[in-house]
PDB file of N, CA and C in Angstrom:
ATOM      1  N   MET A   1      -9.790  -0.103 -11.663  1.00  0.00           N
ATOM      2  CA  MET A   1      -9.326  -0.101 -10.422  1.00  0.00           C
ATOM      3  C   MET A   1      -8.045   0.593 -10.329  1.00  0.00           C
ATOM      4  N   LYS A   2      -7.838   1.265  -8.988  1.00  0.00           N
ATOM      5  CA  LYS A   2      -6.550   1.938  -8.928  1.00  0.00           C
ATOM      6  C   LYS A   2      -6.122   1.192  -7.574  1.00  0.00           C
ATOM      7  N   VAL A   3      -4.658   1.027  -7.628  1.00  0.00           N
ATOM      8  CA  VAL A   3      -3.853   0.526  -6.652  1.00  0.00           C
ATOM      9  C   VAL A   3      -2.663   1.373  -6.370  1.00  0.00           C
ATOM     10  N   ALA A   4      -2.558   1.428  -4.978  1.00  0.00           N
ATOM     11  CA  ALA A   4      -1.635   2.373  -4.432  1.00  0.00           C
ATOM     12  C   ALA A   4      -0.431   1.340  -3.748  1.00  0.00           C
ATOM     13  N   ILE A   5       0.822   1.519  -4.269  1.00  0.00           N
ATOM     14  CA  ILE A   5       1.923   0.784  -3.742  1.00  0.00           C
ATOM     15  C   ILE A   5       2.956   1.926  -2.941  1.00  0.00           C
ATOM     16  N   ALA A   6       2.884   1.517  -1.530  1.00  0.00           N
ATOM     17  CA  ALA A   6       3.758   2.592  -0.837  1.00  0.00           C
ATOM     18  C   ALA A   6       5.086   2.312  -1.190  1.00  0.00           C
ATOM     19  N   ARG A   7       5.937   3.227  -1.519  1.00  0.00           N
ATOM     20  CA  ARG A   7       7.369   3.034  -2.076  1.00  0.00           C
ATOM     21  C   ARG A   7       8.244   3.963  -1.397  1.00  0.00           C
ATOM     22  N   ASP A   8       9.236   3.168  -1.191  1.00  0.00           N
ATOM     23  CA  ASP A   8      10.758   3.994  -0.860  1.00  0.00           C
ATOM     24  C   ASP A   8      11.631   3.858  -2.242  1.00  0.00           C
ATOM     25  N   GLY A   9      11.892   4.795  -2.875  1.00  0.00           N
ATOM     26  CA  GLY A   9      12.481   4.591  -4.158  1.00  0.00           C
ATOM     27  C   GLY A   9      12.007   3.683  -4.902  1.00  0.00           C
ATOM     28  N   LEU A  10      12.470   3.001  -5.448  1.00  0.00           N
ATOM     29  CA  LEU A  10      11.783   1.738  -6.290  1.00  0.00           C
ATOM     30  C   LEU A  10      11.516   0.689  -5.653  1.00  0.00           C
ATOM     31  N   GLN A  11      11.330   0.467  -4.393  1.00  0.00           N
ATOM     32  CA  GLN A  11      11.065  -0.579  -3.722  1.00  0.00           C
ATOM     33  C   GLN A  11       9.798  -0.354  -2.751  1.00  0.00           C
ATOM     34  N   VAL A  12       8.893  -1.181  -2.600  1.00  0.00           N
ATOM     35  CA  VAL A  12       7.894  -1.603  -1.686  1.00  0.00           C
ATOM     36  C   VAL A  12       7.936  -1.105  -0.400  1.00  0.00           C
ATOM     37  N   SER A  13       7.851  -0.061   0.197  1.00  0.00           N
ATOM     38  CA  SER A  13       8.203   0.572   1.568  1.00  0.00           C
ATOM     39  C   SER A  13       7.741  -0.824   2.646  1.00  0.00           C
ATOM     40  N   GLY A  14       8.568  -0.798   3.493  1.00  0.00           N
ATOM     41  CA  GLY A  14       8.305  -1.565   4.625  1.00  0.00           C
ATOM     42  C   GLY A  14       6.890  -1.467   5.503  1.00  0.00           C
ATOM     43  N   HIS A  15       6.291   0.020   5.722  1.00  0.00           N
ATOM     44  CA  HIS A  15       5.565   0.423   6.192  1.00  0.00           C
ATOM     45  C   HIS A  15       4.792   1.738   5.657  1.00  0.00           C
ATOM     46  N   PHE A  16       3.493   1.441   5.469  1.00  0.00           N
ATOM     47  CA  PHE A  16       3.023   2.502   4.421  1.00  0.00           C
ATOM     48  C   PHE A  16       2.858   3.969   4.994  1.00  0.00           C
ATOM     49  N   GLY A  17       2.732   4.129   6.201  1.00  0.00           N
ATOM     50  CA  GLY A  17       2.896   5.567   6.968  1.00  0.00           C
ATOM     51  C   GLY A  17       4.188   6.060   6.893  1.00  0.00           C
ATOM     52  N   HIS A  18       5.461   5.613   6.343  1.00  0.00           N
ATOM     53  CA  HIS A  18       6.483   6.223   6.518  1.00  0.00           C
ATOM     54  C   HIS A  18       7.322   6.216   5.370  1.00  0.00           C
ATOM     55  N   CYS A  19       6.386   5.948   4.451  1.00  0.00           N
ATOM     56  CA  CYS A  19       7.014   5.821   2.720  1.00  0.00           C
ATOM     57  C   CYS A  19       7.360   7.264   2.236  1.00  0.00           C
ATOM     58  N   GLU A  20       7.945   7.185   1.181  1.00  0.00           N
ATOM     59  CA  GLU A  20       8.204   8.519   0.881  1.00  0.00           C
ATOM     60  C   GLU A  20       6.867   8.948  -0.016  1.00  0.00           C
ATOM     61  N   ALA A  21       6.503   7.985  -0.536  1.00  0.00           N
ATOM     62  CA  ALA A  21       5.329   8.314  -1.797  1.00  0.00           C
ATOM     63  C   ALA A  21       4.664   6.961  -1.848  1.00  0.00           C
ATOM     64  N   TYR A  22       3.661   7.145  -3.086  1.00  0.00           N
ATOM     65  CA  TYR A  22       2.642   5.961  -3.300  1.00  0.00           C
ATOM     66  C   TYR A  22       2.533   6.072  -4.546  1.00  0.00           C
ATOM     67  N   ALA A  23       3.186   4.902  -5.588  1.00  0.00           N
ATOM     68  CA  ALA A  23       3.025   4.804  -6.803  1.00  0.00           C
ATOM     69  C   ALA A  23       1.532   4.437  -7.079  1.00  0.00           C
ATOM     70  N   ILE A  24       0.799   5.100  -7.780  1.00  0.00           N
ATOM     71  CA  ILE A  24      -0.661   4.818  -8.244  1.00  0.00           C
ATOM     72  C   ILE A  24      -0.709   3.936  -9.726  1.00  0.00           C
ATOM     73  N   TYR A  25      -1.132   2.771  -9.415  1.00  0.00           N
ATOM     74  CA  TYR A  25      -1.221   2.141 -10.849  1.00  0.00           C
ATOM     75  C   TYR A  25      -3.119   1.745 -11.255  1.00  0.00           C
ATOM     76  N   GLN A  26      -3.206   1.908 -12.215  1.00  0.00           N
ATOM     77  CA  GLN A  26      -4.401   1.838 -12.844  1.00  0.00           C
ATOM     78  C   GLN A  26      -4.467   0.206 -13.605  1.00  0.00           C
ATOM     79  N   LYS A  27      -5.682  -0.396 -13.244  1.00  0.00           N
ATOM     80  CA  LYS A  27      -5.615  -1.596 -13.716  1.00  0.00           C
ATOM     81  C   LYS A  27      -6.800  -1.621 -14.114  1.00  0.00           C
ATOM     82  N   ASP A  28      -6.675  -2.256 -15.806  1.00  0.00           N
ATOM     83  CA  ASP A  28      -8.014  -2.373 -16.498  1.00  0.00           C
ATOM     84  C   ASP A  28      -8.106  -3.585 -17.422  1.00  0.00           C
ATOM     85  N   GLY A  29      -8.984  -4.627 -16.814  1.00  0.00           N
ATOM     86  CA  GLY A  29      -8.863  -5.917 -17.260  1.00  0.00           C
ATOM     87  C   GLY A  29      -7.438  -6.496 -17.086  1.00  0.00           C
ATOM     88  N   SER A  30      -6.704  -7.095 -18.281  1.00  0.00           N
ATOM     89  CA  SER A  30      -5.496  -7.690 -17.993  1.00  0.00           C
ATOM     90  C   SER A  30      -4.378  -7.038 -18.111  1.00  0.00           C
ATOM     91  N   VAL A  31      -4.501  -5.465 -17.798  1.00  0.00           N
ATOM     92  CA  VAL A  31      -3.478  -4.679 -18.174  1.00  0.00           C
ATOM     93  C   VAL A  31      -3.404  -3.567 -16.661  1.00  0.00           C
ATOM     94  N   ILE A  32      -2.009  -3.120 -16.322  1.00  0.00           N
ATOM     95  CA  ILE A  32      -1.894  -2.459 -15.212  1.00  0.00           C
ATOM     96  C   ILE A  32      -0.502  -1.664 -15.777  1.00  0.00           C
ATOM     97  N   GLY A  33      -1.118  -0.284 -15.284  1.00  0.00           N
ATOM     98  CA  GLY A  33       0.073   0.830 -15.929  1.00  0.00           C
ATOM     99  C   GLY A  33       0.092   1.839 -14.617  1.00  0.00           C
ATOM    100  N   HIS A  34       1.634   1.989 -14.526  1.00  0.00           N
ATOM    101  CA  HIS A  34       1.517   3.081 -13.510  1.00  0.00           C
ATOM    102  C   HIS A  34       1.208   4.506 -14.059  1.00  0.00           C
ATOM    103  N   VAL A  35       0.292   5.139 -13.524  1.00  0.00           N
ATOM    104  CA  VAL A  35      -0.234   6.495 -13.783  1.00  0.00           C
ATOM    105  C   VAL A  35      -0.066   7.935 -12.987  1.00  0.00           C
ATOM    106  N   GLU A  36       0.580   7.546 -11.562  1.00  0.00           N
ATOM    107  CA  GLU A  36       1.335   8.868 -10.921  1.00  0.00           C
ATOM    108  C   GLU A  36       1.716   8.274  -9.865  1.00  0.00           C
ATOM    109  N   ASP A  37       2.480   9.486  -9.264  1.00  0.00           N
ATOM    110  CA  ASP A  37       3.091   9.245  -7.811  1.00  0.00           C
ATOM    111  C   ASP A  37       2.351  10.219  -6.886  1.00  0.00           C
ATOM    112  N   LEU A  38       2.307   9.951  -5.690  1.00  0.00           N
ATOM    113  CA  LEU A  38       1.608  10.853  -4.837  1.00  0.00           C
ATOM    114  C   LEU A  38       2.335  10.949  -3.631  1.00  0.00           C
ATOM    115  N   LYS A  39       3.128  11.960  -3.491  1.00  0.00           N
ATOM    116  CA  LYS A  39       4.072  12.242  -2.507  1.00  0.00           C
ATOM    117  C   LYS A  39       3.106  11.930  -0.927  1.00  0.00           C
ATOM    118  N   SER A  40       3.623  11.295  -0.175  1.00  0.00           N
ATOM    119  CA  SER A  40       3.074  10.835   1.074  1.00  0.00           C
ATOM    120  C   SER A  40       2.725  12.449   2.144  1.00  0.00           C
ATOM    121  N   PRO A  41       1.775  12.661   2.453  1.00  0.00           N
ATOM    122  CA  PRO A  41       1.543  13.664   3.345  1.00  0.00           C
ATOM    123  C   PRO A  41       2.251  13.283   4.498  1.00  0.00           C
ATOM    124  N   ALA A  42       2.122  14.507   5.427  1.00  0.00           N
ATOM    125  CA  ALA A  42       2.821  14.045   6.669  1.00  0.00           C
ATOM    126  C   ALA A  42       1.962  13.023   7.512  1.00  0.00           C
ATOM    127  N   HIS A  43       2.933  12.098   8.047  1.00  0.00           N
ATOM    128  CA  HIS A  43       2.136  10.936   8.924  1.00  0.00           C
ATOM    129  C   HIS A  43       1.498  11.469  10.227  1.00  0.00           C
ATOM    130  N   GLU A  44      -0.077  11.124  10.070  1.00  0.00           N
ATOM    131  CA  GLU A  44      -0.893  11.385  11.108  1.00  0.00           C
ATOM    132  C   GLU A  44      -1.917  10.356  11.217  1.00  0.00           C
ATOM    133  N   PRO A  45      -1.873   9.800  12.220  1.00  0.00           N
ATOM    134  CA  PRO A  45      -3.109   8.826  12.428  1.00  0.00           C
ATOM    135  C   PRO A  45      -4.279   9.066  11.605  1.00  0.00           C
ATOM    136  N   GLY A  46      -4.768   8.130  11.009  1.00  0.00           N
ATOM    137  CA  GLY A  46      -6.182   8.478  10.491  1.00  0.00           C
ATOM    138  C   GLY A  46      -5.976   9.438   9.084  1.00  0.00           C
ATOM    139  N   LYS A  47      -5.060   9.877   8.800  1.00  0.00           N
ATOM    140  CA  LYS A  47      -5.310  10.990   7.425  1.00  0.00           C
ATOM    141  C   LYS A  47      -4.984  10.026   6.161  1.00  0.00           C
ATOM    142  N   LEU A  48      -4.179   9.155   6.239  1.00  0.00           N
ATOM    143  CA  LEU A  48      -3.495   8.329   4.678  1.00  0.00           C
ATOM    144  C   LEU A  48      -4.845   7.574   4.164  1.00  0.00           C
ATOM    145  N   PRO A  49      -5.820   6.811   4.800  1.00  0.00           N
ATOM    146  CA  PRO A  49      -6.771   6.394   4.448  1.00  0.00           C
ATOM    147  C   PRO A  49      -7.687   7.163   3.092  1.00  0.00           C
ATOM    148  N   PRO A  50      -8.206   8.172   4.121  1.00  0.00           N
ATOM    149  CA  PRO A  50      -9.187   9.138   3.215  1.00  0.00           C
ATOM    150  C   PRO A  50      -8.216   9.898   2.315  1.00  0.00           C
ATOM    151  N   PHE A  51      -7.130  10.277   2.319  1.00  0.00           N
ATOM    152  CA  PHE A  51      -6.210  10.912   1.344  1.00  0.00           C
ATOM    153  C   PHE A  51      -6.048   9.885   0.048  1.00  0.00           C
ATOM    154  N   LEU A  52      -5.983   8.431   0.469  1.00  0.00           N
ATOM    155  CA  LEU A  52      -5.809   7.859  -0.722  1.00  0.00           C
ATOM    156  C   LEU A  52      -7.297   7.433  -1.390  1.00  0.00           C
ATOM    157  N   ALA A  53      -8.069   7.265  -0.543  1.00  0.00           N
ATOM    158  CA  ALA A  53      -9.452   7.096  -1.182  1.00  0.00           C
ATOM    159  C   ALA A  53     -10.013   8.155  -2.038  1.00  0.00           C
ATOM    160  N   SER A  54      -9.462   9.382  -1.425  1.00  0.00           N
ATOM    161  CA  SER A  54     -10.040  10.987  -2.256  1.00  0.00           C
ATOM    162  C   SER A  54      -9.219  10.879  -3.713  1.00  0.00           C
ATOM    163  N   HIS A  55      -8.067   9.979  -3.994  1.00  0.00           N
ATOM    164  CA  HIS A  55      -7.590   9.810  -5.313  1.00  0.00           C
ATOM    165  C   HIS A  55      -8.226   8.427  -5.962  1.00  0.00           C
ATOM    166  N   GLY A  56      -9.301   8.162  -5.699  1.00  0.00           N
ATOM    167  CA  GLY A  56      -9.945   6.925  -6.042  1.00  0.00           C
ATOM    168  C   GLY A  56      -8.874   5.571  -6.023  1.00  0.00           C
ATOM    169  N   VAL A  57      -8.346   5.275  -5.161  1.00  0.00           N
ATOM    170  CA  VAL A  57      -7.637   4.191  -4.667  1.00  0.00           C
ATOM    171  C   VAL A  57      -8.520   2.839  -4.434  1.00  0.00           C
ATOM    172  N   ASN A  58      -8.398   1.823  -4.654  1.00  0.00           N
ATOM    173  CA  ASN A  58      -9.319   0.873  -4.299  1.00  0.00           C
ATOM    174  C   ASN A  58      -8.598  -0.424  -3.435  1.00  0.00           C
ATOM    175  N   VAL A  59      -7.082  -0.441  -3.773  1.00  0.00           N
ATOM    176  CA  VAL A  59      -5.974  -1.367  -3.187  1.00  0.00           C
ATOM    177  C   VAL A  59      -4.950  -0.557  -2.526  1.00  0.00           C
ATOM    178  N   ILE A  60      -4.626  -0.948  -0.992  1.00  0.00           N
ATOM    179  CA  ILE A  60      -3.229  -0.407  -0.865  1.00  0.00           C
ATOM    180  C   ILE A  60      -2.254  -1.666  -0.587  1.00  0.00           C
ATOM    181  N   ILE A  61      -1.061  -1.739  -1.246  1.00  0.00           N
ATOM    182  CA  ILE A  61      -0.187  -2.746  -0.867  1.00  0.00           C
ATOM    183  C   ILE A  61       1.177  -2.258  -0.088  1.00  0.00           C
ATOM    184  N   ALA A  62       1.512  -2.688   0.871  1.00  0.00           N
ATOM    185  CA  ALA A  62       2.706  -2.247   1.604  1.00  0.00           C
ATOM    186  C   ALA A  62       3.367  -3.486   2.256  1.00  0.00           C
ATOM    187  N   GLY A  63       4.541  -3.266   2.661  1.00  0.00           N
ATOM    188  CA  GLY A  63       5.170  -4.585   3.748  1.00  0.00           C
ATOM    189  C   GLY A  63       4.212  -4.856   4.751  1.00  0.00           C
ATOM    190  N   GLY A  64       4.061  -3.599   5.496  1.00  0.00           N
ATOM    191  CA  GLY A  64       3.378  -3.810   6.771  1.00  0.00           C
ATOM    192  C   GLY A  64       2.405  -2.619   7.474  1.00  0.00           C
ATOM    193  N   MET A  65       1.682  -2.728   8.125  1.00  0.00           N
ATOM    194  CA  MET A  65       0.797  -1.508   8.987  1.00  0.00           C
ATOM    195  C   MET A  65       0.416  -2.159  10.039  1.00  0.00           C
ATOM    196  N   GLY A  66      -0.054  -1.067  10.821  1.00  0.00           N
ATOM    197  CA  GLY A  66      -0.803  -1.541  12.163  1.00  0.00           C
ATOM    198  C   GLY A  66      -2.249  -2.076  11.984  1.00  0.00           C
ATOM    199  N   GLN A  67      -3.084  -2.591  12.727  1.00  0.00           N
ATOM    200  CA  GLN A  67      -4.473  -3.266  12.815  1.00  0.00           C
ATOM    201  C   GLN A  67      -5.026  -1.805  12.520  1.00  0.00           C
ATOM    202  N   ARG A  68      -5.031  -0.851  13.387  1.00  0.00           N
ATOM    203  CA  ARG A  68      -5.689   0.485  13.233  1.00  0.00           C
ATOM    204  C   ARG A  68      -6.015   0.725  11.931  1.00  0.00           C
ATOM    205  N   ALA A  69      -4.825   0.932  11.265  1.00  0.00           N
ATOM    206  CA  ALA A  69      -4.663   1.308   9.859  1.00  0.00           C
ATOM    207  C   ALA A  69      -5.532   0.487   9.078  1.00  0.00           C
ATOM    208  N   VAL A  70      -5.233  -0.801   8.932  1.00  0.00           N
ATOM    209  CA  VAL A  70      -5.966  -1.534   8.304  1.00  0.00           C
ATOM    210  C   VAL A  70      -7.537  -1.565   8.158  1.00  0.00           C
ATOM    211  N   ASP A  71      -8.178  -1.485   9.549  1.00  0.00           N
ATOM    212  CA  ASP A  71      -9.505  -0.878   9.614  1.00  0.00           C
ATOM    213  C   ASP A  71      -9.995   0.285   9.372  1.00  0.00           C
ATOM    214  N   LEU A  72      -8.997   1.235   9.329  1.00  0.00           N
ATOM    215  CA  LEU A  72      -9.067   2.534   8.832  1.00  0.00           C
ATOM    216  C   LEU A  72      -9.625   2.494   7.145  1.00  0.00           C
ATOM    217  N   PHE A  73      -8.500   1.597   6.431  1.00  0.00           N
ATOM    218  CA  PHE A  73      -8.539   1.605   4.921  1.00  0.00           C
ATOM    219  C   PHE A  73      -9.790   0.913   4.622  1.00  0.00           C
ATOM    220  N   HIS A  74     -10.057  -0.113   5.484  1.00  0.00           N
ATOM    221  CA  HIS A  74     -11.233  -1.078   5.228  1.00  0.00           C
ATOM    222  C   HIS A  74     -12.773   0.015   5.234  1.00  0.00           C
ATOM    223  N   GLU A  75     -12.446   0.920   6.131  1.00  0.00           N
ATOM    224  CA  GLU A  75     -14.014   1.559   6.288  1.00  0.00           C
ATOM    225  C   GLU A  75     -13.841   2.696   5.199  1.00  0.00           C
ATOM    226  N   ASN A  76     -12.590   2.932   4.520  1.00  0.00           N
ATOM    227  CA  ASN A  76     -12.793   3.677   3.275  1.00  0.00           C
ATOM    228  C   ASN A  76     -12.662   3.232   2.132  1.00  0.00           C
ATOM    229  N   GLY A  77     -13.110   1.806   2.407  1.00  0.00           N
ATOM    230  CA  GLY A  77     -13.256   1.324   0.973  1.00  0.00           C
ATOM    231  C   GLY A  77     -12.070   0.748   0.312  1.00  0.00           C
ATOM    232  N   ILE A  78     -11.059   0.482   1.148  1.00  0.00           N
ATOM    233  CA  ILE A  78      -9.723  -0.025   0.393  1.00  0.00           C
ATOM    234  C   ILE A  78      -9.491  -0.945   0.876  1.00  0.00           C
ATOM    235  N   ASP A  79      -9.188  -1.993   0.269  1.00  0.00           N
ATOM    236  CA  ASP A  79      -8.775  -3.529   0.283  1.00  0.00           C
ATOM    237  C   ASP A  79      -7.028  -3.289   0.607  1.00  0.00           C
ATOM    238  N   VAL A  80      -6.578  -3.995   1.557  1.00  0.00           N
ATOM    239  CA  VAL A  80      -5.092  -4.222   2.319  1.00  0.00           C
ATOM    240  C   VAL A  80      -4.419  -5.293   1.815  1.00  0.00           C
ATOM    241  N   ILE A  81      -3.292  -5.350   1.362  1.00  0.00           N
ATOM    242  CA  ILE A  81      -2.361  -6.391   0.733  1.00  0.00           C
ATOM    243  C   ILE A  81      -1.110  -5.959   1.500  1.00  0.00           C
ATOM    244  N   LEU A  82      -0.675  -6.728   2.587  1.00  0.00           N
ATOM    245  CA  LEU A  82       0.684  -6.546   3.256  1.00  0.00           C
ATOM    246  C   LEU A  82       1.837  -7.882   3.108  1.00  0.00           C
ATOM    247  N   GLY A  83       2.834  -7.821   3.520  1.00  0.00           N
ATOM    248  CA  GLY A  83       3.939  -8.550   3.568  1.00  0.00           C
ATOM    249  C   GLY A  83       4.542  -8.693   2.055  1.00  0.00           C
ATOM    250  N   VAL A  84       4.327  -7.378   1.527  1.00  0.00           N
ATOM    251  CA  VAL A  84       4.871  -7.384   0.088  1.00  0.00           C
ATOM    252  C   VAL A  84       6.118  -6.686   0.207  1.00  0.00           C
ATOM    253  N   SER A  85       7.200  -7.256  -0.348  1.00  0.00           N
ATOM    254  CA  SER A  85       8.557  -6.326  -0.670  1.00  0.00           C
ATOM    255  C   SER A  85       8.946  -6.674  -2.138  1.00  0.00           C
ATOM    256  N   GLY A  86      10.141  -5.903  -2.280  1.00  0.00           N
ATOM    257  CA  GLY A  86      10.937  -5.765  -3.671  1.00  0.00           C
ATOM    258  C   GLY A  86      10.464  -4.633  -4.355  1.00  0.00           C
ATOM    259  N   ALA A  87      10.387  -4.846  -5.778  1.00  0.00           N
ATOM    260  CA  ALA A  87      10.369  -3.990  -6.686  1.00  0.00           C
ATOM    261  C   ALA A  87       8.826  -3.352  -6.690  1.00  0.00           C
ATOM    262  N   VAL A  88       8.568  -2.158  -6.740  1.00  0.00           N
ATOM    263  CA  VAL A  88       7.158  -1.696  -6.799  1.00  0.00           C
ATOM    264  C   VAL A  88       6.838  -2.250  -8.400  1.00  0.00           C
ATOM    265  N   ASP A  89       7.148  -2.086  -9.337  1.00  0.00           N
ATOM    266  CA  ASP A  89       6.699  -2.638 -10.369  1.00  0.00           C
ATOM    267  C   ASP A  89       6.288  -4.179 -10.791  1.00  0.00           C
ATOM    268  N   LYS A  90       7.075  -5.133  -9.881  1.00  0.00           N
ATOM    269  CA  LYS A  90       7.036  -6.446  -9.552  1.00  0.00           C
ATOM    270  C   LYS A  90       5.663  -6.623  -8.986  1.00  0.00           C
ATOM    271  N   ALA A  91       5.615  -5.835  -8.030  1.00  0.00           N
ATOM    272  CA  ALA A  91       4.360  -6.238  -6.698  1.00  0.00           C
ATOM    273  C   ALA A  91       3.294  -5.677  -7.878  1.00  0.00           C
ATOM    274  N   ALA A  92       3.344  -4.707  -8.778  1.00  0.00           N
ATOM    275  CA  ALA A  92       2.221  -4.476  -9.531  1.00  0.00           C
ATOM    276  C   ALA A  92       1.786  -5.401 -10.379  1.00  0.00           C
ATOM    277  N   GLN A  93       2.757  -6.099 -11.105  1.00  0.00           N
ATOM    278  CA  GLN A  93       2.681  -7.213 -11.897  1.00  0.00           C
ATOM    279  C   GLN A  93       2.027  -8.680 -11.056  1.00  0.00           C
ATOM    280  N   ASP A  94       2.424  -8.366  -9.932  1.00  0.00           N
ATOM    281  CA  ASP A  94       1.823  -9.832  -9.038  1.00  0.00           C
ATOM    282  C   ASP A  94       0.482  -9.293  -8.921  1.00  0.00           C
ATOM    283  N   PHE A  95       0.042  -8.460  -8.521  1.00  0.00           N
ATOM    284  CA  PHE A  95      -1.409  -8.044  -7.898  1.00  0.00           C
ATOM    285  C   PHE A  95      -2.478  -8.520  -9.422  1.00  0.00           C
ATOM    286  N   LEU A  96      -1.480  -7.892 -10.545  1.00  0.00           N
ATOM    287  CA  LEU A  96      -2.220  -7.961 -11.778  1.00  0.00           C
ATOM    288  C   LEU A  96      -2.517  -9.423 -11.698  1.00  0.00           C
ATOM    289  N   PHE A  97      -1.702 -10.308 -11.687  1.00  0.00           N
ATOM    290  CA  PHE A  97      -1.549 -11.910 -12.053  1.00  0.00           C
ATOM    291  C   PHE A  97      -2.268 -12.754 -10.761  1.00  0.00           C
ATOM    292  N   GLY A  98      -2.808 -12.205  -9.992  1.00  0.00           N
ATOM    293  CA  GLY A  98      -3.294 -12.950  -8.735  1.00  0.00           C
ATOM    294  C   GLY A  98      -2.146 -13.815  -7.727  1.00  0.00           C
ATOM    295  N   ARG A  99      -0.776 -13.049  -7.676  1.00  0.00           N
ATOM    296  CA  ARG A  99      -0.033 -13.729  -6.897  1.00  0.00           C
ATOM    297  C   ARG A  99       0.152 -13.280  -5.737  1.00  0.00           C
ATOM    298  N   ILE A 100      -0.762 -12.200  -5.574  1.00  0.00           N
ATOM    299  CA  ILE A 100      -0.853 -11.628  -4.034  1.00  0.00           C
ATOM    300  C   ILE A 100      -2.244 -11.029  -3.871  1.00  0.00           C
ATOM    301  N   GLN A 101      -2.879 -11.590  -2.656  1.00  0.00           N
ATOM    302  CA  GLN A 101      -4.150 -10.990  -2.496  1.00  0.00           C
ATOM    303  C   GLN A 101      -4.766 -10.125  -1.270  1.00  0.00           C
ATOM    304  N   PRO A 102      -5.351  -9.617  -1.142  1.00  0.00           N
ATOM    305  CA  PRO A 102      -5.954  -8.923  -0.119  1.00  0.00           C
ATOM    306  C   PRO A 102      -6.162  -9.523   1.169  1.00  0.00           C
ATOM    307  N   GLY A 103      -5.776  -9.579   2.270  1.00  0.00           N
ATOM    308  CA  GLY A 103      -6.119 -10.277   3.569  1.00  0.00           C
ATOM    309  C   GLY A 103      -5.010 -11.185   4.227  1.00  0.00           C
ATOM    310  N   GLY A 104      -3.943 -11.060   3.602  1.00  0.00           N
ATOM    311  CA  GLY A 104      -2.691 -11.747   3.489  1.00  0.00           C
ATOM    312  C   GLY A 104      -1.559 -10.545   4.595  1.00  0.00           C
ATOM    313  N   GLY A 105      -0.563 -11.339   4.766  1.00  0.00           N
ATOM    314  CA  GLY A 105       0.931 -10.323   5.379  1.00  0.00           C
ATOM    315  C   GLY A 105       0.733  -9.991   6.783  1.00  0.00           C
ATOM    316  N   SER A 106       1.344  -9.211   7.105  1.00  0.00           N
ATOM    317  CA  SER A 106       1.784  -8.804   8.409  1.00  0.00           C
ATOM    318  C   SER A 106       1.142  -7.451   9.180  1.00  0.00           C
ATOM    319  N   ILE A 107       0.632  -7.771  10.021  1.00  0.00           N
ATOM    320  CA  ILE A 107       0.404  -6.609  11.057  1.00  0.00           C
ATOM    321  C   ILE A 107       1.189  -6.273  11.952  1.00  0.00           C
ATOM    322  N   CYS A 108       1.799  -5.097  11.792  1.00  0.00           N
ATOM    323  CA  CYS A 108       2.887  -4.564  13.013  1.00  0.00           C
ATOM    324  C   CYS A 108       1.949  -4.050  14.189  1.00  0.00           C
ATOM    325  N   SER A 109       2.764  -4.505  15.109  1.00  0.00           N
ATOM    326  CA  SER A 109       1.854  -4.199  16.563  1.00  0.00           C
ATOM    327  C   SER A 109       2.558  -3.020  17.058  1.00  0.00           C
ATOM    328  N   GLU A 110       3.547  -2.403  16.855  1.00  0.00           N
ATOM    329  CA  GLU A 110       4.053  -1.208  17.317  1.00  0.00           C
ATOM    330  C   GLU A 110       3.915   0.077  16.488  1.00  0.00           C
ATOM    331  N   HIS A 111       3.133   1.177  17.190  1.00  0.00           N
ATOM    332  CA  HIS A 111       3.103   2.404  16.368  1.00  0.00           C
ATOM    333  C   HIS A 111       4.668   2.794  15.624  1.00  0.00           C
ATOM    334  N   GLN A 112       5.542   2.591  16.396  1.00  0.00           N
ATOM    335  CA  GLN A 112       7.030   3.132  15.573  1.00  0.00           C
ATOM    336  C   GLN A 112       7.505   2.218  14.767  1.00  0.00           C
ATOM    337  N   HIS A 113       6.836   1.067  14.372  1.00  0.00           N
ATOM    338  CA  HIS A 113       7.372   0.097  13.383  1.00  0.00           C
ATOM    339  C   HIS A 113       8.771  -0.298  13.605  1.00  0.00           C
ATOM    340  N   GLN A 114       8.801  -1.319  14.593  1.00  0.00           N
ATOM    341  CA  GLN A 114       9.920  -2.138  14.908  1.00  0.00           C
ATOM    342  C   GLN A 114       9.579  -3.533  14.444  1.00  0.00           C
ATOM    343  N   CYS A 115       9.450  -3.643  13.463  1.00  0.00           N
ATOM    344  CA  CYS A 115       8.985  -4.965  13.002  1.00  0.00           C
ATOM    345  C   CYS A 115       9.959  -5.543  12.116  1.00  0.00           C
ATOM    346  N   ALA A 116      10.861  -6.380  12.259  1.00  0.00           N
ATOM    347  CA  ALA A 116      12.252  -6.780  11.754  1.00  0.00           C
ATOM    348  C   ALA A 116      11.847  -7.588  10.546  1.00  0.00           C
ATOM    349  N   GLU A 117      10.760  -8.167  10.082  1.00  0.00           N
ATOM    350  CA  GLU A 117      10.467  -8.880   9.106  1.00  0.00           C
ATOM    351  C   GLU A 117      10.123  -7.722   8.000  1.00  0.00           C
ATOM    352  N   HIS A 118       9.633  -6.330   8.256  1.00  0.00           N
ATOM    353  CA  HIS A 118       9.479  -5.421   7.451  1.00  0.00           C
ATOM    354  C   HIS A 118      10.686  -4.390   6.947  1.00  0.00           C
ATOM    355  N   GLU A 119      11.841  -5.082   7.518  1.00  0.00           N
ATOM    356  CA  GLU A 119      12.907  -3.639   7.469  1.00  0.00           C
ATOM    357  C   GLU A 119      13.821  -4.285   6.289  1.00  0.00           C
TER     358      GLU A 119
END
């Protein structure tokens, strides 16, 4: 299983579509390891879910995203975990140990991402 974590520096990005890169982790049983970083392509509605799916990603972790983006990720077979903040490596470990799960978190209602809880 591949997990993409939207990141800015070493921190989970508050919004997946405006992050600088995606840290890609491979989960094999009870081990998760960082395998690569994918530079975020230009932000265009609908572009990122198929981009990450083409890299074999099964789960996206971010601070927040809009409902349309969540729907597009699901259409591309990618589970969504939102409401995550802090260090990227810790988020990967929290995912591995089941401390964060798909389906929770925050949906941003504004495209420009003015959601204070994700900033």
